[in-house]
Amino acid sequence: MEIKMSSKLIVALDFSSADQALEFVNPLSPPDCKLKVGFELFVSAGPDLVRTLTGKGFDIFLDLKFHDIPNTVASVCKEAAKLDVWMMNVHASGGLEMMYAAHAALSELACPPKLIAVSVLTSMNDEQLQETGVDRLAKDQVFHLAGLAKQAGLDGMVCSAQEAKALRQQFGDEFLLVTPGIRPVGAERGDQSRVMTPRDAIQEGVDYIVVGRPITQSSTPLEIIRQINADLVHQPV
């Protein structure tokens, strides 16, 4: 019997309503991709949509980037885990204590979701980061925050593919690297500053790639998904 490998592709559901998201998802099956639910869709559709998607068998990355005082983040992570999501994230800039609290809260669960940290948004370049008062280049800030996430026991980081190879060398194979800002060959950059193709990202050491609008706004999304998966499955892990 043929065993289908889990896809390294996470499709960002860039929709403003549950109806739009479900219309897109209905032709898909869980081996095709994992799904990311972010702020806009979660605010519009709420936890019920997440339950519907997990009920269909999809691995869900709940991308809400929790960032608050440690007790609040710990509590909200435990509540989010009740949705049976595969992965969730926090902002590493919330600090070591906040990440410790989130990790500790999820560690109490029998089957905790993956917990990863956001470092520097891939829409930000060095100049924009320095405008926030961070006196480091984006790459240096990513490494600093990755070190805190690793120390706090988190499973990995959201990062740019451009930092992946060095992060992999420093933090090892077990530290998950999840990369947005991925654009298939020929796709527009959109609002992303630090981008890379799916094939190149995997070669740089990324575990999972996140692709949104190049798929969700395509007239042939299933074909784009098949093309990306074909590229990824033939790349070294």
C-alpha atoms as a PDB file:
ATOM      1  CA  MET A   1       0.000   0.000   0.000  1.00  0.00           C
ATOM      2  CA  GLU A   2       1.350   3.417  -0.965  1.00  0.00           C
ATOM      3  CA  ILE A   3       2.010   5.749   1.955  1.00  0.00           C
ATOM      4  CA  LYS A   4       1.633   9.419   1.209  1.00  0.00           C
ATOM      5  CA  MET A   5       4.158  11.673   2.866  1.00  0.00           C
ATOM      6  CA  SER A   6       2.952  14.731   4.691  1.00  0.00           C
ATOM      7  CA  SER A   7       3.401  17.870   2.623  1.00  0.00           C
ATOM      8  CA  LYS A   8       5.923  20.521   3.622  1.00  0.00           C
ATOM      9  CA  LEU A   9       3.551  23.123   2.155  1.00  0.00           C
ATOM     10  CA  ILE A  10       1.380  25.283   4.408  1.00  0.00           C
ATOM     11  CA  VAL A  11      -1.256  27.223   2.496  1.00  0.00           C
ATOM     12  CA  ALA A  12      -2.160  30.540   4.107  1.00  0.00           C
ATOM     13  CA  LEU A  13      -5.927  30.949   3.955  1.00  0.00           C
ATOM     14  CA  ASP A  14      -5.927  34.631   2.994  1.00  0.00           C
ATOM     15  CA  PHE A  15      -9.687  35.042   3.100  1.00  0.00           C
ATOM     16  CA  SER A  16     -12.051  37.295   5.017  1.00  0.00           C
ATOM     17  CA  SER A  17     -14.867  34.802   5.630  1.00  0.00           C
ATOM     18  CA  ALA A  18     -15.471  31.158   6.480  1.00  0.00           C
ATOM     19  CA  ASP A  19     -17.459  30.662   3.265  1.00  0.00           C
ATOM     20  CA  GLN A  20     -14.555  31.811   1.098  1.00  0.00           C
ATOM     21  CA  ALA A  21     -12.083  29.673   3.015  1.00  0.00           C
ATOM     22  CA  LEU A  22     -14.225  26.541   2.863  1.00  0.00           C
ATOM     23  CA  GLU A  23     -14.936  27.009  -0.830  1.00  0.00           C
ATOM     24  CA  PHE A  24     -11.187  27.032  -1.405  1.00  0.00           C
ATOM     25  CA  VAL A  25     -10.485  24.087   0.916  1.00  0.00           C
ATOM     26  CA  ASN A  26     -13.270  21.759  -0.274  1.00  0.00           C
ATOM     27  CA  PRO A  27     -11.358  20.404  -3.314  1.00  0.00           C
ATOM     28  CA  LEU A  28      -8.261  19.755  -1.183  1.00  0.00           C
ATOM     29  CA  SER A  29      -7.313  16.770   0.934  1.00  0.00           C
ATOM     30  CA  PRO A  30      -4.999  16.719   3.971  1.00  0.00           C
ATOM     31  CA  PRO A  31      -2.046  15.118   2.117  1.00  0.00           C
ATOM     32  CA  ASP A  32      -2.046  18.093  -0.298  1.00  0.00           C
ATOM     33  CA  CYS A  33      -1.021  20.665   2.287  1.00  0.00           C
ATOM     34  CA  LYS A  34      -1.362  21.995   5.788  1.00  0.00           C
ATOM     35  CA  LEU A  35      -3.429  25.144   6.351  1.00  0.00           C
ATOM     36  CA  LYS A  36      -2.657  28.428   8.107  1.00  0.00           C
ATOM     37  CA  VAL A  37      -5.392  30.442   9.789  1.00  0.00           C
ATOM     38  CA  GLY A  38      -4.266  33.983  10.542  1.00  0.00           C
ATOM     39  CA  PHE A  39      -5.674  37.113  12.131  1.00  0.00           C
ATOM     40  CA  GLU A  40      -8.139  38.234   9.472  1.00  0.00           C
ATOM     41  CA  LEU A  41      -9.833  34.885   9.003  1.00  0.00           C
ATOM     42  CA  PHE A  42      -9.850  34.032  12.707  1.00  0.00           C
ATOM     43  CA  VAL A  43     -11.411  37.371  13.644  1.00  0.00           C
ATOM     44  CA  SER A  44     -14.025  36.909  10.923  1.00  0.00           C
ATOM     45  CA  ALA A  45     -14.836  33.218  11.316  1.00  0.00           C
ATOM     46  CA  GLY A  46     -13.692  32.400  14.835  1.00  0.00           C
ATOM     47  CA  PRO A  47     -12.832  29.068  16.460  1.00  0.00           C
ATOM     48  CA  ASP A  48     -15.682  27.235  14.713  1.00  0.00           C
ATOM     49  CA  LEU A  49     -13.885  27.417  11.379  1.00  0.00           C
ATOM     50  CA  VAL A  50     -10.729  25.972  12.927  1.00  0.00           C
ATOM     51  CA  ARG A  51     -12.790  23.096  14.343  1.00  0.00           C
ATOM     52  CA  THR A  52     -14.329  22.500  10.919  1.00  0.00           C
ATOM     53  CA  LEU A  53     -10.918  22.372   9.246  1.00  0.00           C
ATOM     54  CA  THR A  54      -9.411  20.040  11.837  1.00  0.00           C
ATOM     55  CA  GLY A  55     -12.549  17.923  11.525  1.00  0.00           C
ATOM     56  CA  LYS A  56     -11.707  17.492   7.846  1.00  0.00           C
ATOM     57  CA  GLY A  57      -8.331  16.097   8.878  1.00  0.00           C
ATOM     58  CA  PHE A  58      -6.126  19.087   8.059  1.00  0.00           C
ATOM     59  CA  ASP A  59      -3.138  20.083  10.161  1.00  0.00           C
ATOM     60  CA  ILE A  60      -3.779  23.693  11.167  1.00  0.00           C
ATOM     61  CA  PHE A  61      -1.148  26.307  11.914  1.00  0.00           C
ATOM     62  CA  LEU A  62      -2.912  28.893  14.082  1.00  0.00           C
ATOM     63  CA  ASP A  63      -0.963  32.026  13.232  1.00  0.00           C
ATOM     64  CA  LEU A  64      -2.116  34.545  15.852  1.00  0.00           C
ATOM     65  CA  LYS A  65       1.329  35.568  17.133  1.00  0.00           C
ATOM     66  CA  PHE A  66       0.420  35.769  20.823  1.00  0.00           C
ATOM     67  CA  HIS A  67       2.244  38.594  22.603  1.00  0.00           C
ATOM     68  CA  ASP A  68       1.181  39.701  26.076  1.00  0.00           C
ATOM     69  CA  ILE A  69       2.155  39.249  29.718  1.00  0.00           C
ATOM     70  CA  PRO A  70       3.327  35.686  30.515  1.00  0.00           C
ATOM     71  CA  ASN A  71       0.207  34.559  32.391  1.00  0.00           C
ATOM     72  CA  THR A  72      -2.100  35.755  29.632  1.00  0.00           C
ATOM     73  CA  VAL A  73      -0.086  34.081  26.887  1.00  0.00           C
ATOM     74  CA  ALA A  74       0.098  30.835  28.855  1.00  0.00           C
ATOM     75  CA  SER A  75      -3.668  30.823  29.305  1.00  0.00           C
ATOM     76  CA  VAL A  76      -4.484  31.645  25.705  1.00  0.00           C
ATOM     77  CA  CYS A  77      -2.107  28.969  24.411  1.00  0.00           C
ATOM     78  CA  LYS A  78      -3.911  26.354  26.497  1.00  0.00           C
ATOM     79  CA  GLU A  79      -7.267  27.559  25.158  1.00  0.00           C
ATOM     80  CA  ALA A  80      -6.008  27.516  21.577  1.00  0.00           C
ATOM     81  CA  ALA A  81      -4.733  23.969  22.040  1.00  0.00           C
ATOM     82  CA  LYS A  82      -8.322  22.861  22.704  1.00  0.00           C
ATOM     83  CA  LEU A  83      -8.960  23.491  19.004  1.00  0.00           C
ATOM     84  CA  ASP A  84      -6.680  20.520  18.191  1.00  0.00           C
ATOM     85  CA  VAL A  85      -4.367  22.649  16.068  1.00  0.00           C
ATOM     86  CA  TRP A  86      -1.077  21.215  14.857  1.00  0.00           C
ATOM     87  CA  MET A  87       0.961  24.351  15.535  1.00  0.00           C
ATOM     88  CA  MET A  88       0.664  27.844  16.999  1.00  0.00           C
ATOM     89  CA  ASN A  89       3.031  30.760  17.516  1.00  0.00           C
ATOM     90  CA  VAL A  90       4.047  33.541  19.853  1.00  0.00           C
ATOM     91  CA  HIS A  91       6.106  36.685  19.292  1.00  0.00           C
ATOM     92  CA  ALA A  92       9.671  36.093  20.475  1.00  0.00           C
ATOM     93  CA  SER A  93       9.915  39.808  21.221  1.00  0.00           C
ATOM     94  CA  GLY A  94       7.584  39.117  24.155  1.00  0.00           C
ATOM     95  CA  GLY A  95      10.676  37.883  25.945  1.00  0.00           C
ATOM     96  CA  LEU A  96      12.104  34.771  27.533  1.00  0.00           C
ATOM     97  CA  GLU A  97       9.693  34.644  30.492  1.00  0.00           C
ATOM     98  CA  MET A  98       6.655  34.878  28.216  1.00  0.00           C
ATOM     99  CA  MET A  99       7.932  32.051  26.003  1.00  0.00           C
ATOM    100  CA  TYR A 100       8.793  29.916  29.039  1.00  0.00           C
ATOM    101  CA  ALA A 101       5.228  30.384  30.311  1.00  0.00           C
ATOM    102  CA  ALA A 102       3.686  29.419  26.968  1.00  0.00           C
ATOM    103  CA  HIS A 103       5.871  26.330  26.657  1.00  0.00           C
ATOM    104  CA  ALA A 104       5.185  25.263  30.237  1.00  0.00           C
ATOM    105  CA  ALA A 105       1.416  25.622  29.761  1.00  0.00           C
ATOM    106  CA  LEU A 106       1.404  23.428  26.659  1.00  0.00           C
ATOM    107  CA  SER A 107       3.770  20.886  28.219  1.00  0.00           C
ATOM    108  CA  GLU A 108       1.016  20.013  30.700  1.00  0.00           C
ATOM    109  CA  LEU A 109      -1.109  18.618  27.847  1.00  0.00           C
ATOM    110  CA  ALA A 110      -1.086  14.987  26.726  1.00  0.00           C
ATOM    111  CA  CYS A 111      -0.639  15.875  23.039  1.00  0.00           C
ATOM    112  CA  PRO A 112       0.566  19.485  22.857  1.00  0.00           C
ATOM    113  CA  PRO A 113       0.695  21.336  19.547  1.00  0.00           C
ATOM    114  CA  LYS A 114       3.972  22.584  18.148  1.00  0.00           C
ATOM    115  CA  LEU A 115       4.895  25.985  19.554  1.00  0.00           C
ATOM    116  CA  ILE A 116       7.104  28.243  17.465  1.00  0.00           C
ATOM    117  CA  ALA A 117       8.175  31.852  17.759  1.00  0.00           C
ATOM    118  CA  VAL A 118       7.983  34.769  15.340  1.00  0.00           C
ATOM    119  CA  SER A 119      11.260  36.625  15.025  1.00  0.00           C
ATOM    120  CA  VAL A 120      11.347  39.461  12.479  1.00  0.00           C
ATOM    121  CA  LEU A 121       8.397  39.694  10.107  1.00  0.00           C
ATOM    122  CA  THR A 122       9.426  38.877   6.543  1.00  0.00           C
ATOM    123  CA  SER A 123       7.762  42.115   5.408  1.00  0.00           C
ATOM    124  CA  MET A 124      10.427  44.081   7.318  1.00  0.00           C
ATOM    125  CA  ASN A 125      13.846  45.036   6.025  1.00  0.00           C
ATOM    126  CA  ASP A 126      16.815  46.355   8.019  1.00  0.00           C
ATOM    127  CA  GLU A 127      15.740  49.997   7.806  1.00  0.00           C
ATOM    128  CA  GLN A 128      12.196  49.291   8.933  1.00  0.00           C
ATOM    129  CA  LEU A 129      13.419  47.211  11.850  1.00  0.00           C
ATOM    130  CA  GLN A 130      15.731  49.980  13.012  1.00  0.00           C
ATOM    131  CA  GLU A 131      12.802  52.415  12.890  1.00  0.00           C
ATOM    132  CA  THR A 132      11.289  50.390  15.759  1.00  0.00           C
ATOM    133  CA  GLY A 133      14.331  51.049  17.937  1.00  0.00           C
ATOM    134  CA  VAL A 134      16.104  47.731  17.359  1.00  0.00           C
ATOM    135  CA  ASP A 135      19.770  48.553  16.790  1.00  0.00           C
ATOM    136  CA  ARG A 136      20.534  45.349  14.876  1.00  0.00           C
ATOM    137  CA  LEU A 137      20.299  44.145  11.325  1.00  0.00           C
ATOM    138  CA  ALA A 138      17.280  41.911  10.677  1.00  0.00           C
ATOM    139  CA  LYS A 139      19.472  38.821  10.421  1.00  0.00           C
ATOM    140  CA  ASP A 140      21.193  39.539  13.752  1.00  0.00           C
ATOM    141  CA  GLN A 141      17.860  40.130  15.479  1.00  0.00           C
ATOM    142  CA  VAL A 142      16.517  36.848  14.128  1.00  0.00           C
ATOM    143  CA  PHE A 143      19.473  34.973  15.643  1.00  0.00           C
ATOM    144  CA  HIS A 144      19.106  36.743  18.960  1.00  0.00           C
ATOM    145  CA  LEU A 145      15.404  35.884  19.206  1.00  0.00           C
ATOM    146  CA  ALA A 146      15.969  32.334  17.978  1.00  0.00           C
ATOM    147  CA  GLY A 147      18.396  31.816  20.834  1.00  0.00           C
ATOM    148  CA  LEU A 148      15.754  32.943  23.331  1.00  0.00           C
ATOM    149  CA  ALA A 149      13.144  30.660  21.756  1.00  0.00           C
ATOM    150  CA  LYS A 150      15.488  27.690  21.925  1.00  0.00           C
ATOM    151  CA  GLN A 151      16.323  28.473  25.552  1.00  0.00           C
ATOM    152  CA  ALA A 152      12.605  28.628  26.388  1.00  0.00           C
ATOM    153  CA  GLY A 153      12.074  25.154  24.939  1.00  0.00           C
ATOM    154  CA  LEU A 154      10.065  26.140  21.885  1.00  0.00           C
ATOM    155  CA  ASP A 155       9.917  23.819  18.881  1.00  0.00           C
ATOM    156  CA  GLY A 156      11.231  26.304  16.344  1.00  0.00           C
ATOM    157  CA  MET A 157      10.954  29.641  14.621  1.00  0.00           C
ATOM    158  CA  VAL A 158       9.218  31.495  11.861  1.00  0.00           C
ATOM    159  CA  CYS A 159      12.054  32.945   9.815  1.00  0.00           C
ATOM    160  CA  SER A 160      13.105  34.102   6.391  1.00  0.00           C
ATOM    161  CA  ALA A 161      14.596  31.414   4.170  1.00  0.00           C
ATOM    162  CA  GLN A 162      17.626  33.670   3.814  1.00  0.00           C
ATOM    163  CA  GLU A 163      18.518  32.962   7.452  1.00  0.00           C
ATOM    164  CA  ALA A 164      17.588  29.261   7.398  1.00  0.00           C
ATOM    165  CA  LYS A 165      20.941  27.667   6.602  1.00  0.00           C
ATOM    166  CA  ALA A 166      22.780  29.479   9.374  1.00  0.00           C
ATOM    167  CA  LEU A 167      19.918  28.873  11.841  1.00  0.00           C
ATOM    168  CA  ARG A 168      19.971  25.178  10.999  1.00  0.00           C
ATOM    169  CA  GLN A 169      23.717  25.010  11.601  1.00  0.00           C
ATOM    170  CA  GLN A 170      23.455  26.812  14.934  1.00  0.00           C
ATOM    171  CA  PHE A 171      20.307  25.223  16.397  1.00  0.00           C
ATOM    172  CA  GLY A 172      20.286  21.718  14.903  1.00  0.00           C
ATOM    173  CA  ASP A 173      17.925  19.544  12.907  1.00  0.00           C
ATOM    174  CA  GLU A 174      15.215  19.288  15.570  1.00  0.00           C
ATOM    175  CA  PHE A 175      14.568  23.038  15.627  1.00  0.00           C
ATOM    176  CA  LEU A 176      11.717  23.638  13.176  1.00  0.00           C
ATOM    177  CA  LEU A 177      12.109  26.396  10.624  1.00  0.00           C
ATOM    178  CA  VAL A 178       8.865  27.699   9.121  1.00  0.00           C
ATOM    179  CA  THR A 179       9.152  30.247   6.353  1.00  0.00           C
ATOM    180  CA  PRO A 180       6.608  32.672   4.892  1.00  0.00           C
ATOM    181  CA  GLY A 181       7.492  35.021   2.063  1.00  0.00           C
ATOM    182  CA  ILE A 182       7.771  32.061  -0.312  1.00  0.00           C
ATOM    183  CA  ARG A 183       7.016  32.853  -3.939  1.00  0.00           C
ATOM    184  CA  PRO A 184       6.921  30.279  -6.754  1.00  0.00           C
ATOM    185  CA  VAL A 185       9.009  31.167  -9.793  1.00  0.00           C
ATOM    186  CA  GLY A 186       7.324  34.007 -11.688  1.00  0.00           C
ATOM    187  CA  ALA A 187       5.031  35.082  -8.820  1.00  0.00           C
ATOM    188  CA  GLU A 188       4.867  38.695  -7.643  1.00  0.00           C
ATOM    189  CA  ARG A 189       6.674  39.639  -4.421  1.00  0.00           C
ATOM    190  CA  GLY A 190       3.606  41.376  -2.970  1.00  0.00           C
ATOM    191  CA  ASP A 191       4.377  43.002   0.390  1.00  0.00           C
ATOM    192  CA  GLN A 192       7.242  40.634   1.213  1.00  0.00           C
ATOM    193  CA  SER A 193      10.791  42.030   1.356  1.00  0.00           C
ATOM    194  CA  ARG A 194      12.793  38.837   1.967  1.00  0.00           C
ATOM    195  CA  VAL A 195      11.532  36.146  -0.409  1.00  0.00           C
ATOM    196  CA  MET A 196      12.706  32.837  -1.934  1.00  0.00           C
ATOM    197  CA  THR A 197      11.305  30.093  -4.166  1.00  0.00           C
ATOM    198  CA  PRO A 198       9.975  26.856  -2.596  1.00  0.00           C
ATOM    199  CA  ARG A 199      12.799  24.721  -3.980  1.00  0.00           C
ATOM    200  CA  ASP A 200      15.495  27.115  -2.803  1.00  0.00           C
ATOM    201  CA  ALA A 201      13.906  27.400   0.653  1.00  0.00           C
ATOM    202  CA  ILE A 202      13.980  23.660   1.260  1.00  0.00           C
ATOM    203  CA  GLN A 203      17.564  23.484   0.030  1.00  0.00           C
ATOM    204  CA  GLU A 204      18.447  26.152   2.601  1.00  0.00           C
ATOM    205  CA  GLY A 205      17.118  23.952   5.428  1.00  0.00           C
ATOM    206  CA  VAL A 206      13.526  25.132   5.866  1.00  0.00           C
ATOM    207  CA  ASP A 207      11.121  22.481   7.252  1.00  0.00           C
ATOM    208  CA  TYR A 208       7.830  24.028   6.131  1.00  0.00           C
ATOM    209  CA  ILE A 209       7.060  26.774   3.637  1.00  0.00           C
ATOM    210  CA  VAL A 210       4.055  29.097   3.818  1.00  0.00           C
ATOM    211  CA  VAL A 211       2.475  30.226   0.560  1.00  0.00           C
ATOM    212  CA  GLY A 212      -0.641  32.375   0.402  1.00  0.00           C
ATOM    213  CA  ARG A 213      -1.735  34.636  -2.414  1.00  0.00           C
ATOM    214  CA  PRO A 214       0.216  32.928  -5.224  1.00  0.00           C
ATOM    215  CA  ILE A 215      -2.055  29.936  -4.515  1.00  0.00           C
ATOM    216  CA  THR A 216      -5.265  31.410  -3.119  1.00  0.00           C
ATOM    217  CA  GLN A 217      -5.527  34.109  -5.798  1.00  0.00           C
ATOM    218  CA  SER A 218      -4.602  31.777  -8.647  1.00  0.00           C
ATOM    219  CA  SER A 219      -7.186  30.617 -11.175  1.00  0.00           C
ATOM    220  CA  THR A 220      -5.628  27.134 -10.894  1.00  0.00           C
ATOM    221  CA  PRO A 221      -4.733  26.698  -7.193  1.00  0.00           C
ATOM    222  CA  LEU A 222      -4.688  22.890  -7.291  1.00  0.00           C
ATOM    223  CA  GLU A 223      -2.159  22.953 -10.096  1.00  0.00           C
ATOM    224  CA  ILE A 224       0.060  25.403  -8.206  1.00  0.00           C
ATOM    225  CA  ILE A 225      -0.118  23.170  -5.119  1.00  0.00           C
ATOM    226  CA  ARG A 226       0.825  20.112  -7.186  1.00  0.00           C
ATOM    227  CA  GLN A 227       3.748  21.955  -8.765  1.00  0.00           C
ATOM    228  CA  ILE A 228       5.078  23.115  -5.392  1.00  0.00           C
ATOM    229  CA  ASN A 229       4.739  19.651  -3.844  1.00  0.00           C
ATOM    230  CA  ALA A 230       6.540  18.121  -6.823  1.00  0.00           C
ATOM    231  CA  ASP A 231       9.407  20.558  -6.278  1.00  0.00           C
ATOM    232  CA  LEU A 232       9.553  19.887  -2.548  1.00  0.00           C
ATOM    233  CA  VAL A 233       9.376  16.098  -2.565  1.00  0.00           C
ATOM    234  CA  HIS A 234      12.493  15.801  -4.693  1.00  0.00           C
ATOM    235  CA  GLN A 235      14.581  18.042  -2.448  1.00  0.00           C
ATOM    236  CA  PRO A 236      16.916  16.757   0.275  1.00  0.00           C
ATOM    237  CA  VAL A 237      15.477  17.014   3.793  1.00  0.00           C
END
